[in-house]
Amino acid sequence: MKLAFVGKGGSGKTTLASLFARRAAALGHPVMAVDADINQHLAAALGLDPEAAAMGPVLGERMADIKDYLRGDNPLIPSAELMLKTTPPGPGSRLLTVGETNPLYEEVFTETEGIRFAATGGFVDDDLGVACYHSKVGAVELMLNHLIDTRDEFVVVDMVAGAEAFASGMFTRFDHTFLVCEPTLRSVGVYKQYAGYAADYDVNIAVIGNKIDDEDDVEFLREHVGDALLGWCGRSRYVKAAERGKVGPVEELEAENLAVLDAARERARAAGKDWAKFTRQAHEFHRKAAAAWGNDRAGVDLAEQIVSDFVLGEHLLHTETASTGCR
């Protein structure tokens, strides 16, 4: 399952994303976690050394390599320069799985507690004033477009804060979106904005309340988000200790907060995967990107890269697998 954790800055989305990933991995699920926020804090939340993670290779710096690897021998994509972040796979493309070993994973992912982790990389001095952060996040979008995952695997992406995710079609790349919401007007305002933008795209959204002190907080969220409220997490001594650098086993999280993580996991599994929708939306946003700017840059109609009947899904895992990736 491809899962996004979103919310207002400071709502606790990174904390919830890390706890979800660690809980799922502890229960034996294959887990991949990606920090796609401009503020890169997921590594520390997972218990990794944040300075070491910042110095390592990141997805945003490997866009050309990612494109070249994923295009494989797809005849419609003769060069990496003709790939956009929205480019969908087709016959001959290299497809990814969560548990495989390949050169991309070996280069940019780190293993921790059974979790395969990577970051897009934050802004650096050379980016200021001249770069768009969404060009870095594009590496994640492209990999999600080529990733075949199952219902018992979890790809957890800590997204940019607020409604910034709608600057691209990446918000449609997830089977389920968990919006972390504090009991404040600003936080529920982000939920309403996000839900409004996503309404026309059949996006599965559930709200997880966070930093809940009492029943009044719960009632406030119920009033503003209604049936979207999946559950809520109270103030946590475990989380406070983790934020001070003492990350204990996830099983030590308060039982009521663990129950919320388990409910979120089961909600995602119960909703299942819709590969036809995933493929259809990939094609839609690739056409939009090609028409808006891609065709002018490439000098050709990139929409012709779309193979309408090439639907991503687990059925492709049963085809011949090349030594360097699933074809």
C-alpha atoms as a PDB file:
ATOM      1  CA  MET A   1       0.000   0.000   0.000  1.00  0.00           C
ATOM      2  CA  LYS A   2       1.266   3.463  -0.911  1.00  0.00           C
ATOM      3  CA  LEU A   3       0.457   5.818   1.968  1.00  0.00           C
ATOM      4  CA  ALA A   4       0.883   9.576   2.372  1.00  0.00           C
ATOM      5  CA  PHE A   5       1.058  11.408   5.681  1.00  0.00           C
ATOM      6  CA  VAL A   6       0.108  15.068   5.301  1.00  0.00           C
ATOM      7  CA  GLY A   7      -0.992  17.945   7.506  1.00  0.00           C
ATOM      8  CA  LYS A   8      -0.210  21.417   8.721  1.00  0.00           C
ATOM      9  CA  GLY A   9       3.394  22.080   9.611  1.00  0.00           C
ATOM     10  CA  GLY A  10       3.940  21.100  13.238  1.00  0.00           C
ATOM     11  CA  SER A  11       0.863  18.853  13.377  1.00  0.00           C
ATOM     12  CA  GLY A  12       2.953  15.748  13.989  1.00  0.00           C
ATOM     13  CA  LYS A  13       2.699  14.144  10.541  1.00  0.00           C
ATOM     14  CA  THR A  14       6.377  13.147  10.545  1.00  0.00           C
ATOM     15  CA  THR A  15       6.006  11.605  13.995  1.00  0.00           C
ATOM     16  CA  LEU A  16       2.916   9.645  12.931  1.00  0.00           C
ATOM     17  CA  ALA A  17       4.556   8.560   9.654  1.00  0.00           C
ATOM     18  CA  SER A  18       7.586   7.234  11.519  1.00  0.00           C
ATOM     19  CA  LEU A  19       5.516   5.461  14.156  1.00  0.00           C
ATOM     20  CA  PHE A  20       3.309   3.879  11.486  1.00  0.00           C
ATOM     21  CA  ALA A  21       6.359   2.646   9.552  1.00  0.00           C
ATOM     22  CA  ARG A  22       8.075   1.275  12.657  1.00  0.00           C
ATOM     23  CA  ARG A  23       4.910  -0.433  13.905  1.00  0.00           C
ATOM     24  CA  ALA A  24       4.254  -2.079  10.525  1.00  0.00           C
ATOM     25  CA  ALA A  25       7.868  -3.258  10.259  1.00  0.00           C
ATOM     26  CA  ALA A  26       7.799  -4.613  13.818  1.00  0.00           C
ATOM     27  CA  LEU A  27       4.754  -6.683  12.850  1.00  0.00           C
ATOM     28  CA  GLY A  28       6.650  -8.206   9.929  1.00  0.00           C
ATOM     29  CA  HIS A  29       5.398  -6.114   6.997  1.00  0.00           C
ATOM     30  CA  PRO A  30       7.901  -5.045   4.337  1.00  0.00           C
ATOM     31  CA  VAL A  31       8.166  -1.270   4.715  1.00  0.00           C
ATOM     32  CA  MET A  32       9.669   1.536   2.665  1.00  0.00           C
ATOM     33  CA  ALA A  33       9.727   5.063   4.117  1.00  0.00           C
ATOM     34  CA  VAL A  34      10.485   8.220   2.137  1.00  0.00           C
ATOM     35  CA  ASP A  35      10.967  11.751   3.433  1.00  0.00           C
ATOM     36  CA  ALA A  36       9.444  14.026   0.785  1.00  0.00           C
ATOM     37  CA  ASP A  37       9.081  17.081   3.028  1.00  0.00           C
ATOM     38  CA  ILE A  38      11.175  20.186   2.480  1.00  0.00           C
ATOM     39  CA  ASN A  39      12.016  19.969   6.195  1.00  0.00           C
ATOM     40  CA  GLN A  40      13.851  16.673   6.442  1.00  0.00           C
ATOM     41  CA  HIS A  41      13.060  15.172   9.859  1.00  0.00           C
ATOM     42  CA  LEU A  42      11.888  11.637   9.108  1.00  0.00           C
ATOM     43  CA  ALA A  43      15.365  10.098   9.461  1.00  0.00           C
ATOM     44  CA  ALA A  44      15.668  11.340  13.034  1.00  0.00           C
ATOM     45  CA  ALA A  45      12.114  10.203  13.824  1.00  0.00           C
ATOM     46  CA  LEU A  46      13.045   6.708  12.638  1.00  0.00           C
ATOM     47  CA  GLY A  47      16.047   6.705  14.966  1.00  0.00           C
ATOM     48  CA  LEU A  48      18.707   7.368  12.335  1.00  0.00           C
ATOM     49  CA  ASP A  49      21.520   9.866  12.801  1.00  0.00           C
ATOM     50  CA  PRO A  50      20.083  12.967  11.056  1.00  0.00           C
ATOM     51  CA  GLU A  51      23.518  14.419  10.270  1.00  0.00           C
ATOM     52  CA  ALA A  52      24.687  11.176   8.679  1.00  0.00           C
ATOM     53  CA  ALA A  53      21.438  10.918   6.716  1.00  0.00           C
ATOM     54  CA  ALA A  54      21.845  14.502   5.473  1.00  0.00           C
ATOM     55  CA  MET A  55      25.349  13.739   4.220  1.00  0.00           C
ATOM     56  CA  GLY A  56      24.326  10.608   2.342  1.00  0.00           C
ATOM     57  CA  PRO A  57      22.988  10.276  -1.210  1.00  0.00           C
ATOM     58  CA  VAL A  58      19.428  11.543  -1.712  1.00  0.00           C
ATOM     59  CA  LEU A  59      16.785  10.922  -4.350  1.00  0.00           C
ATOM     60  CA  GLY A  60      16.620  14.547  -5.492  1.00  0.00           C
ATOM     61  CA  GLU A  61      20.237  14.417  -6.631  1.00  0.00           C
ATOM     62  CA  ARG A  62      19.769  11.177  -8.592  1.00  0.00           C
ATOM     63  CA  MET A  63      16.911  12.180 -10.894  1.00  0.00           C
ATOM     64  CA  ALA A  64      18.884  11.533 -14.095  1.00  0.00           C
ATOM     65  CA  ASP A  65      20.009   8.105 -12.860  1.00  0.00           C
ATOM     66  CA  ILE A  66      16.478   7.225 -11.747  1.00  0.00           C
ATOM     67  CA  LYS A  67      15.068   8.150 -15.145  1.00  0.00           C
ATOM     68  CA  ASP A  68      17.717   6.206 -17.025  1.00  0.00           C
ATOM     69  CA  TYR A  69      17.174   3.114 -14.889  1.00  0.00           C
ATOM     70  CA  LEU A  70      13.379   3.134 -15.003  1.00  0.00           C
ATOM     71  CA  ARG A  71      13.048   3.710 -18.740  1.00  0.00           C
ATOM     72  CA  GLY A  72      14.780   0.360 -19.327  1.00  0.00           C
ATOM     73  CA  ASP A  73      14.386  -0.535 -22.987  1.00  0.00           C
ATOM     74  CA  ASN A  74      10.953   1.042 -23.425  1.00  0.00           C
ATOM     75  CA  PRO A  75      11.033   1.996 -27.134  1.00  0.00           C
ATOM     76  CA  LEU A  76       8.827   5.046 -26.510  1.00  0.00           C
ATOM     77  CA  ILE A  77      11.465   6.582 -24.211  1.00  0.00           C
ATOM     78  CA  PRO A  78      14.773   6.512 -26.114  1.00  0.00           C
ATOM     79  CA  SER A  79      16.566   8.775 -23.614  1.00  0.00           C
ATOM     80  CA  ALA A  80      16.291   9.953 -20.015  1.00  0.00           C
ATOM     81  CA  GLU A  81      15.932  13.528 -21.290  1.00  0.00           C
ATOM     82  CA  LEU A  82      12.506  12.568 -22.657  1.00  0.00           C
ATOM     83  CA  MET A  83      11.173  11.513 -19.252  1.00  0.00           C
ATOM     84  CA  LEU A  84       9.158  13.764 -16.970  1.00  0.00           C
ATOM     85  CA  LYS A  85       8.419  13.136 -13.304  1.00  0.00           C
ATOM     86  CA  THR A  86       4.954  12.054 -14.494  1.00  0.00           C
ATOM     87  CA  THR A  87       6.129   9.587 -17.141  1.00  0.00           C
ATOM     88  CA  PRO A  88       4.212   6.321 -16.723  1.00  0.00           C
ATOM     89  CA  PRO A  89       5.732   2.904 -17.396  1.00  0.00           C
ATOM     90  CA  GLY A  90       5.083   0.885 -20.510  1.00  0.00           C
ATOM     91  CA  PRO A  91       6.352  -2.303 -22.140  1.00  0.00           C
ATOM     92  CA  GLY A  92      10.100  -2.482 -21.591  1.00  0.00           C
ATOM     93  CA  SER A  93      10.146  -0.153 -18.580  1.00  0.00           C
ATOM     94  CA  ARG A  94      11.832  -1.339 -15.413  1.00  0.00           C
ATOM     95  CA  LEU A  95       9.324  -1.777 -12.629  1.00  0.00           C
ATOM     96  CA  LEU A  96      10.168  -1.673  -8.940  1.00  0.00           C
ATOM     97  CA  THR A  97       9.028  -3.768  -6.001  1.00  0.00           C
ATOM     98  CA  VAL A  98       9.360  -2.981  -2.309  1.00  0.00           C
ATOM     99  CA  GLY A  99      11.622  -5.880  -1.375  1.00  0.00           C
ATOM    100  CA  GLU A 100      13.907  -6.270  -4.380  1.00  0.00           C
ATOM    101  CA  THR A 101      17.565  -5.357  -4.603  1.00  0.00           C
ATOM    102  CA  ASN A 102      18.591  -3.027  -7.398  1.00  0.00           C
ATOM    103  CA  PRO A 103      21.207  -0.333  -8.074  1.00  0.00           C
ATOM    104  CA  LEU A 104      18.838   2.522  -7.143  1.00  0.00           C
ATOM    105  CA  TYR A 105      18.013   1.085  -3.754  1.00  0.00           C
ATOM    106  CA  GLU A 106      21.642   0.251  -3.037  1.00  0.00           C
ATOM    107  CA  GLU A 107      22.657   3.816  -3.854  1.00  0.00           C
ATOM    108  CA  VAL A 108      20.092   5.931  -2.018  1.00  0.00           C
ATOM    109  CA  PHE A 109      18.280   3.790   0.566  1.00  0.00           C
ATOM    110  CA  THR A 110      19.322   2.955   4.128  1.00  0.00           C
ATOM    111  CA  GLU A 111      18.057   0.059   6.239  1.00  0.00           C
ATOM    112  CA  THR A 112      16.849   0.658   9.802  1.00  0.00           C
ATOM    113  CA  GLU A 113      14.666  -1.607  11.966  1.00  0.00           C
ATOM    114  CA  GLY A 114      13.520  -3.494   8.878  1.00  0.00           C
ATOM    115  CA  ILE A 115      12.576  -0.255   7.123  1.00  0.00           C
ATOM    116  CA  ARG A 116      14.085   0.771   3.789  1.00  0.00           C
ATOM    117  CA  PHE A 117      14.505   4.554   4.069  1.00  0.00           C
ATOM    118  CA  ALA A 118      15.389   7.337   1.619  1.00  0.00           C
ATOM    119  CA  ALA A 119      15.044  11.114   1.520  1.00  0.00           C
ATOM    120  CA  THR A 120      14.537  13.539  -1.324  1.00  0.00           C
ATOM    121  CA  GLY A 121      17.029  15.947   0.232  1.00  0.00           C
ATOM    122  CA  GLY A 122      16.252  19.426   1.483  1.00  0.00           C
ATOM    123  CA  PHE A 123      17.136  22.805   0.029  1.00  0.00           C
ATOM    124  CA  VAL A 124      20.811  23.713  -0.108  1.00  0.00           C
ATOM    125  CA  ASP A 125      22.365  27.134  -0.612  1.00  0.00           C
ATOM    126  CA  ASP A 126      22.662  26.663  -4.384  1.00  0.00           C
ATOM    127  CA  ASP A 127      18.890  26.035  -4.606  1.00  0.00           C
ATOM    128  CA  LEU A 128      17.797  29.276  -2.965  1.00  0.00           C
ATOM    129  CA  GLY A 129      16.020  31.582  -5.351  1.00  0.00           C
ATOM    130  CA  VAL A 130      16.573  29.402  -8.405  1.00  0.00           C
ATOM    131  CA  ALA A 131      15.179  25.928  -7.685  1.00  0.00           C
ATOM    132  CA  CYS A 132      11.744  24.484  -7.095  1.00  0.00           C
ATOM    133  CA  TYR A 133      11.442  21.901  -4.349  1.00  0.00           C
ATOM    134  CA  HIS A 134       8.953  19.960  -6.432  1.00  0.00           C
ATOM    135  CA  SER A 135      11.745  19.079  -8.852  1.00  0.00           C
ATOM    136  CA  LYS A 136      13.295  17.095  -5.990  1.00  0.00           C
ATOM    137  CA  VAL A 137      10.008  15.464  -5.014  1.00  0.00           C
ATOM    138  CA  GLY A 138       9.617  14.497  -8.676  1.00  0.00           C
ATOM    139  CA  ALA A 139      12.075  11.666  -8.101  1.00  0.00           C
ATOM    140  CA  VAL A 140       9.642  10.144  -5.603  1.00  0.00           C
ATOM    141  CA  GLU A 141       6.695  10.611  -7.947  1.00  0.00           C
ATOM    142  CA  LEU A 142       8.521   8.866 -10.782  1.00  0.00           C
ATOM    143  CA  MET A 143       9.449   5.921  -8.573  1.00  0.00           C
ATOM    144  CA  LEU A 144       5.895   5.602  -7.258  1.00  0.00           C
ATOM    145  CA  ASN A 145       4.663   5.495 -10.855  1.00  0.00           C
ATOM    146  CA  HIS A 146       6.882   2.458 -11.472  1.00  0.00           C
ATOM    147  CA  LEU A 147       6.383   0.675  -8.127  1.00  0.00           C
ATOM    148  CA  ILE A 148       4.311  -2.492  -7.815  1.00  0.00           C
ATOM    149  CA  ASP A 149       3.456  -3.015  -4.157  1.00  0.00           C
ATOM    150  CA  THR A 150       1.061  -5.423  -2.493  1.00  0.00           C
ATOM    151  CA  ARG A 151      -1.630  -4.998   0.145  1.00  0.00           C
ATOM    152  CA  ASP A 152       0.660  -6.275   2.910  1.00  0.00           C
ATOM    153  CA  GLU A 153       3.573  -3.989   2.002  1.00  0.00           C
ATOM    154  CA  PHE A 154       3.710  -0.354   3.029  1.00  0.00           C
ATOM    155  CA  VAL A 155       5.340   2.576   1.274  1.00  0.00           C
ATOM    156  CA  VAL A 156       5.089   5.463   3.744  1.00  0.00           C
ATOM    157  CA  VAL A 157       5.746   8.955   2.391  1.00  0.00           C
ATOM    158  CA  ASP A 158       6.089  11.966   4.681  1.00  0.00           C
ATOM    159  CA  MET A 159       4.754  14.705   2.400  1.00  0.00           C
ATOM    160  CA  VAL A 160       5.268  18.461   2.268  1.00  0.00           C
ATOM    161  CA  ALA A 161       3.149  20.406   4.742  1.00  0.00           C
ATOM    162  CA  GLY A 162      -0.262  21.813   3.935  1.00  0.00           C
ATOM    163  CA  ALA A 163      -1.674  21.668   0.434  1.00  0.00           C
ATOM    164  CA  GLU A 164       1.706  21.963  -1.312  1.00  0.00           C
ATOM    165  CA  ALA A 165       1.276  18.367  -2.492  1.00  0.00           C
ATOM    166  CA  PHE A 166      -1.210  19.618  -5.083  1.00  0.00           C
ATOM    167  CA  ALA A 167       1.527  21.377  -7.046  1.00  0.00           C
ATOM    168  CA  SER A 168       1.812  18.085  -8.942  1.00  0.00           C
ATOM    169  CA  GLY A 169      -0.230  14.950  -9.482  1.00  0.00           C
ATOM    170  CA  MET A 170       1.699  13.152  -6.762  1.00  0.00           C
ATOM    171  CA  PHE A 171      -1.297  13.329  -4.426  1.00  0.00           C
ATOM    172  CA  THR A 172      -2.975  10.684  -6.636  1.00  0.00           C
ATOM    173  CA  ARG A 173      -0.070   8.241  -6.272  1.00  0.00           C
ATOM    174  CA  PHE A 174      -1.302   6.932  -2.922  1.00  0.00           C
ATOM    175  CA  ASP A 175      -3.812   4.256  -2.020  1.00  0.00           C
ATOM    176  CA  HIS A 176      -4.619   6.103   1.186  1.00  0.00           C
ATOM    177  CA  THR A 177      -3.827   9.531   2.605  1.00  0.00           C
ATOM    178  CA  PHE A 178      -3.685  10.134   6.347  1.00  0.00           C
ATOM    179  CA  LEU A 179      -4.111  13.767   7.303  1.00  0.00           C
ATOM    180  CA  VAL A 180      -2.746  14.479  10.771  1.00  0.00           C
ATOM    181  CA  CYS A 181      -4.870  17.142  12.409  1.00  0.00           C
ATOM    182  CA  GLU A 182      -4.527  19.085  15.643  1.00  0.00           C
ATOM    183  CA  PRO A 183      -7.708  20.379  17.336  1.00  0.00           C
ATOM    184  CA  THR A 184      -7.234  23.915  15.971  1.00  0.00           C
ATOM    185  CA  LEU A 185      -8.947  25.967  13.284  1.00  0.00           C
ATOM    186  CA  ARG A 186      -5.723  26.269  11.281  1.00  0.00           C
ATOM    187  CA  SER A 187      -5.190  22.539  11.263  1.00  0.00           C
ATOM    188  CA  VAL A 188      -8.762  21.620  10.303  1.00  0.00           C
ATOM    189  CA  GLY A 189      -8.529  24.364   7.677  1.00  0.00           C
ATOM    190  CA  VAL A 190      -5.688  22.431   6.034  1.00  0.00           C
ATOM    191  CA  TYR A 191      -7.863  19.311   6.070  1.00  0.00           C
ATOM    192  CA  LYS A 192     -10.756  21.127   4.394  1.00  0.00           C
ATOM    193  CA  GLN A 193      -8.450  22.622   1.783  1.00  0.00           C
ATOM    194  CA  TYR A 194      -6.841  19.252   1.091  1.00  0.00           C
ATOM    195  CA  ALA A 195     -10.171  17.445   0.922  1.00  0.00           C
ATOM    196  CA  GLY A 196     -11.565  20.115  -1.389  1.00  0.00           C
ATOM    197  CA  TYR A 197      -8.699  19.826  -3.848  1.00  0.00           C
ATOM    198  CA  ALA A 198      -8.839  16.017  -3.771  1.00  0.00           C
ATOM    199  CA  ALA A 199     -12.610  15.733  -4.126  1.00  0.00           C
ATOM    200  CA  ASP A 200     -12.577  15.286  -7.901  1.00  0.00           C
ATOM    201  CA  TYR A 201      -9.877  12.590  -7.828  1.00  0.00           C
ATOM    202  CA  ASP A 202     -11.356   9.864  -5.639  1.00  0.00           C
ATOM    203  CA  VAL A 203      -8.603  10.199  -3.029  1.00  0.00           C
ATOM    204  CA  ASN A 204      -9.037   8.084   0.100  1.00  0.00           C
ATOM    205  CA  ILE A 205      -8.510  10.449   3.053  1.00  0.00           C
ATOM    206  CA  ALA A 206      -8.707   9.669   6.746  1.00  0.00           C
ATOM    207  CA  VAL A 207      -7.973  12.090   9.579  1.00  0.00           C
ATOM    208  CA  ILE A 208      -5.845  11.150  12.577  1.00  0.00           C
ATOM    209  CA  GLY A 209      -6.232  13.599  15.424  1.00  0.00           C
ATOM    210  CA  ASN A 210      -3.040  14.458  17.270  1.00  0.00           C
ATOM    211  CA  LYS A 211      -2.043  16.240  20.486  1.00  0.00           C
ATOM    212  CA  ILE A 212      -5.457  15.498  21.977  1.00  0.00           C
ATOM    213  CA  ASP A 213      -5.858  16.491  25.625  1.00  0.00           C
ATOM    214  CA  ASP A 214      -9.504  15.788  26.388  1.00  0.00           C
ATOM    215  CA  GLU A 215     -12.955  14.987  25.017  1.00  0.00           C
ATOM    216  CA  ASP A 216     -13.472  18.624  24.035  1.00  0.00           C
ATOM    217  CA  ASP A 217     -10.590  18.260  21.565  1.00  0.00           C
ATOM    218  CA  VAL A 218     -12.170  15.134  20.103  1.00  0.00           C
ATOM    219  CA  GLU A 219     -15.552  16.815  19.767  1.00  0.00           C
ATOM    220  CA  PHE A 220     -13.926  19.776  18.027  1.00  0.00           C
ATOM    221  CA  LEU A 221     -12.428  17.465  15.422  1.00  0.00           C
ATOM    222  CA  ARG A 222     -15.676  15.544  14.996  1.00  0.00           C
ATOM    223  CA  GLU A 223     -17.493  18.818  14.410  1.00  0.00           C
ATOM    224  CA  HIS A 224     -15.087  19.906  11.682  1.00  0.00           C
ATOM    225  CA  VAL A 225     -14.039  16.676   9.927  1.00  0.00           C
ATOM    226  CA  GLY A 226     -17.012  14.401  10.625  1.00  0.00           C
ATOM    227  CA  ASP A 227     -16.762  10.776   9.550  1.00  0.00           C
ATOM    228  CA  ALA A 228     -13.257  11.321   8.169  1.00  0.00           C
ATOM    229  CA  LEU A 229     -11.927  11.063  11.742  1.00  0.00           C
ATOM    230  CA  LEU A 230     -10.306   7.635  12.051  1.00  0.00           C
ATOM    231  CA  GLY A 231      -8.922   8.040  15.563  1.00  0.00           C
ATOM    232  CA  TRP A 232      -6.749  10.258  17.698  1.00  0.00           C
ATOM    233  CA  CYS A 233      -3.491  10.239  19.619  1.00  0.00           C
ATOM    234  CA  GLY A 234      -3.125  11.827  23.005  1.00  0.00           C
ATOM    235  CA  ARG A 235      -0.094  13.538  24.437  1.00  0.00           C
ATOM    236  CA  SER A 236       2.678  10.973  24.595  1.00  0.00           C
ATOM    237  CA  ARG A 237       5.605  10.616  26.976  1.00  0.00           C
ATOM    238  CA  TYR A 238       7.097   8.155  24.479  1.00  0.00           C
ATOM    239  CA  VAL A 239       6.981  10.737  21.681  1.00  0.00           C
ATOM    240  CA  LYS A 240       8.384  13.451  23.953  1.00  0.00           C
ATOM    241  CA  ALA A 241      11.327  11.200  24.819  1.00  0.00           C
ATOM    242  CA  ALA A 242      11.858  10.363  21.133  1.00  0.00           C
ATOM    243  CA  GLU A 243      11.925  14.044  20.227  1.00  0.00           C
ATOM    244  CA  ARG A 244      14.703  14.420  22.786  1.00  0.00           C
ATOM    245  CA  GLY A 245      16.722  11.686  21.101  1.00  0.00           C
ATOM    246  CA  LYS A 246      15.599   8.659  23.128  1.00  0.00           C
ATOM    247  CA  VAL A 247      13.831   6.478  20.567  1.00  0.00           C
ATOM    248  CA  GLY A 248      12.687   3.311  22.323  1.00  0.00           C
ATOM    249  CA  PRO A 249      11.094   0.185  20.806  1.00  0.00           C
ATOM    250  CA  VAL A 250       7.806   1.119  19.173  1.00  0.00           C
ATOM    251  CA  GLU A 251       6.010  -1.438  21.340  1.00  0.00           C
ATOM    252  CA  GLU A 252       6.616   0.938  24.273  1.00  0.00           C
ATOM    253  CA  LEU A 253       4.289   3.528  22.742  1.00  0.00           C
ATOM    254  CA  GLU A 254       1.119   3.972  24.798  1.00  0.00           C
ATOM    255  CA  ALA A 255      -1.413   1.215  24.074  1.00  0.00           C
ATOM    256  CA  GLU A 256      -4.131   3.649  22.994  1.00  0.00           C
ATOM    257  CA  ASN A 257      -1.773   5.297  20.521  1.00  0.00           C
ATOM    258  CA  LEU A 258      -0.592   1.949  19.159  1.00  0.00           C
ATOM    259  CA  ALA A 259      -4.259   1.110  18.588  1.00  0.00           C
ATOM    260  CA  VAL A 260      -4.617   4.184  16.356  1.00  0.00           C
ATOM    261  CA  LEU A 261      -1.650   3.075  14.245  1.00  0.00           C
ATOM    262  CA  ASP A 262      -3.161  -0.390  13.928  1.00  0.00           C
ATOM    263  CA  ALA A 263      -6.521   1.075  12.925  1.00  0.00           C
ATOM    264  CA  ALA A 264      -4.827   3.157  10.223  1.00  0.00           C
ATOM    265  CA  ARG A 265      -2.997   0.112   8.901  1.00  0.00           C
ATOM    266  CA  GLU A 266      -6.172  -1.943   8.760  1.00  0.00           C
ATOM    267  CA  ARG A 267      -8.097   0.931   7.148  1.00  0.00           C
ATOM    268  CA  ALA A 268      -5.538   1.061   4.348  1.00  0.00           C
ATOM    269  CA  ARG A 269      -5.546  -2.709   3.860  1.00  0.00           C
ATOM    270  CA  ALA A 270      -9.335  -2.862   3.852  1.00  0.00           C
ATOM    271  CA  ALA A 271      -9.578  -0.136   1.213  1.00  0.00           C
ATOM    272  CA  GLY A 272      -7.334  -2.191  -1.052  1.00  0.00           C
ATOM    273  CA  LYS A 273      -5.644  -1.177  -4.260  1.00  0.00           C
ATOM    274  CA  ASP A 274      -7.196   0.119  -7.454  1.00  0.00           C
ATOM    275  CA  TRP A 275      -4.557  -0.308 -10.138  1.00  0.00           C
ATOM    276  CA  ALA A 276      -6.903   0.803 -12.926  1.00  0.00           C
ATOM    277  CA  LYS A 277      -7.475   4.151 -11.177  1.00  0.00           C
ATOM    278  CA  PHE A 278      -3.777   4.481 -10.369  1.00  0.00           C
ATOM    279  CA  THR A 279      -2.878   3.981 -14.031  1.00  0.00           C
ATOM    280  CA  ARG A 280      -5.669   6.198 -15.355  1.00  0.00           C
ATOM    281  CA  GLN A 281      -4.624   9.098 -13.134  1.00  0.00           C
ATOM    282  CA  ALA A 282      -0.968   8.621 -14.040  1.00  0.00           C
ATOM    283  CA  HIS A 283      -1.902   8.976 -17.697  1.00  0.00           C
ATOM    284  CA  GLU A 284      -4.085  12.015 -16.970  1.00  0.00           C
ATOM    285  CA  PHE A 285      -1.372  13.954 -15.163  1.00  0.00           C
ATOM    286  CA  HIS A 286       1.274  12.995 -17.683  1.00  0.00           C
ATOM    287  CA  ARG A 287      -0.881  14.447 -20.447  1.00  0.00           C
ATOM    288  CA  LYS A 288      -1.323  17.628 -18.398  1.00  0.00           C
ATOM    289  CA  ALA A 289       2.388  17.992 -17.694  1.00  0.00           C
ATOM    290  CA  ALA A 290       3.290  17.285 -21.317  1.00  0.00           C
ATOM    291  CA  ALA A 291       0.868  19.910 -22.599  1.00  0.00           C
ATOM    292  CA  ALA A 292       1.761  22.502 -19.950  1.00  0.00           C
ATOM    293  CA  TRP A 293       5.551  22.455 -20.301  1.00  0.00           C
ATOM    294  CA  GLY A 294       7.034  19.060 -21.179  1.00  0.00           C
ATOM    295  CA  ASN A 295       6.370  19.112 -24.917  1.00  0.00           C
ATOM    296  CA  ASP A 296       7.920  22.543 -25.358  1.00  0.00           C
ATOM    297  CA  ARG A 297      11.052  21.468 -23.531  1.00  0.00           C
ATOM    298  CA  ALA A 298      11.361  18.119 -25.322  1.00  0.00           C
ATOM    299  CA  GLY A 299      10.302  19.232 -28.783  1.00  0.00           C
ATOM    300  CA  VAL A 300       8.031  16.184 -29.173  1.00  0.00           C
ATOM    301  CA  ASP A 301       4.585  15.124 -27.949  1.00  0.00           C
ATOM    302  CA  LEU A 302       5.380  13.249 -24.753  1.00  0.00           C
ATOM    303  CA  ALA A 303       1.775  12.103 -24.413  1.00  0.00           C
ATOM    304  CA  GLU A 304       2.645   9.545 -27.079  1.00  0.00           C
ATOM    305  CA  GLN A 305       4.650   7.711 -24.405  1.00  0.00           C
ATOM    306  CA  ILE A 306       1.365   6.543 -22.885  1.00  0.00           C
ATOM    307  CA  VAL A 307       0.344   2.967 -23.661  1.00  0.00           C
ATOM    308  CA  SER A 308      -3.324   3.062 -22.743  1.00  0.00           C
ATOM    309  CA  ASP A 309      -3.750  -0.646 -22.090  1.00  0.00           C
ATOM    310  CA  PHE A 310      -0.564  -1.015 -20.004  1.00  0.00           C
ATOM    311  CA  VAL A 311      -2.105  -1.157 -16.536  1.00  0.00           C
ATOM    312  CA  LEU A 312       0.269  -1.386 -13.607  1.00  0.00           C
ATOM    313  CA  GLY A 313      -0.480  -4.145 -11.128  1.00  0.00           C
ATOM    314  CA  GLU A 314       0.583  -7.353  -9.472  1.00  0.00           C
ATOM    315  CA  HIS A 315      -0.159  -9.344 -12.617  1.00  0.00           C
ATOM    316  CA  LEU A 316       3.066  -7.904 -14.042  1.00  0.00           C
ATOM    317  CA  LEU A 317       5.056  -9.584 -11.259  1.00  0.00           C
ATOM    318  CA  HIS A 318       4.348 -12.915 -12.926  1.00  0.00           C
ATOM    319  CA  THR A 319       6.102 -11.892 -16.124  1.00  0.00           C
ATOM    320  CA  GLU A 320       9.771 -12.563 -16.727  1.00  0.00           C
ATOM    321  CA  THR A 321      11.985 -10.754 -14.216  1.00  0.00           C
ATOM    322  CA  ALA A 322      15.258  -9.316 -15.438  1.00  0.00           C
ATOM    323  CA  SER A 323      18.347  -9.452 -13.235  1.00  0.00           C
ATOM    324  CA  THR A 324      18.251  -5.687 -12.801  1.00  0.00           C
ATOM    325  CA  GLY A 325      14.572  -5.310 -12.030  1.00  0.00           C
ATOM    326  CA  CYS A 326      11.053  -6.432 -12.783  1.00  0.00           C
ATOM    327  CA  ARG A 327      10.044  -5.955 -16.416  1.00  0.00           C
END
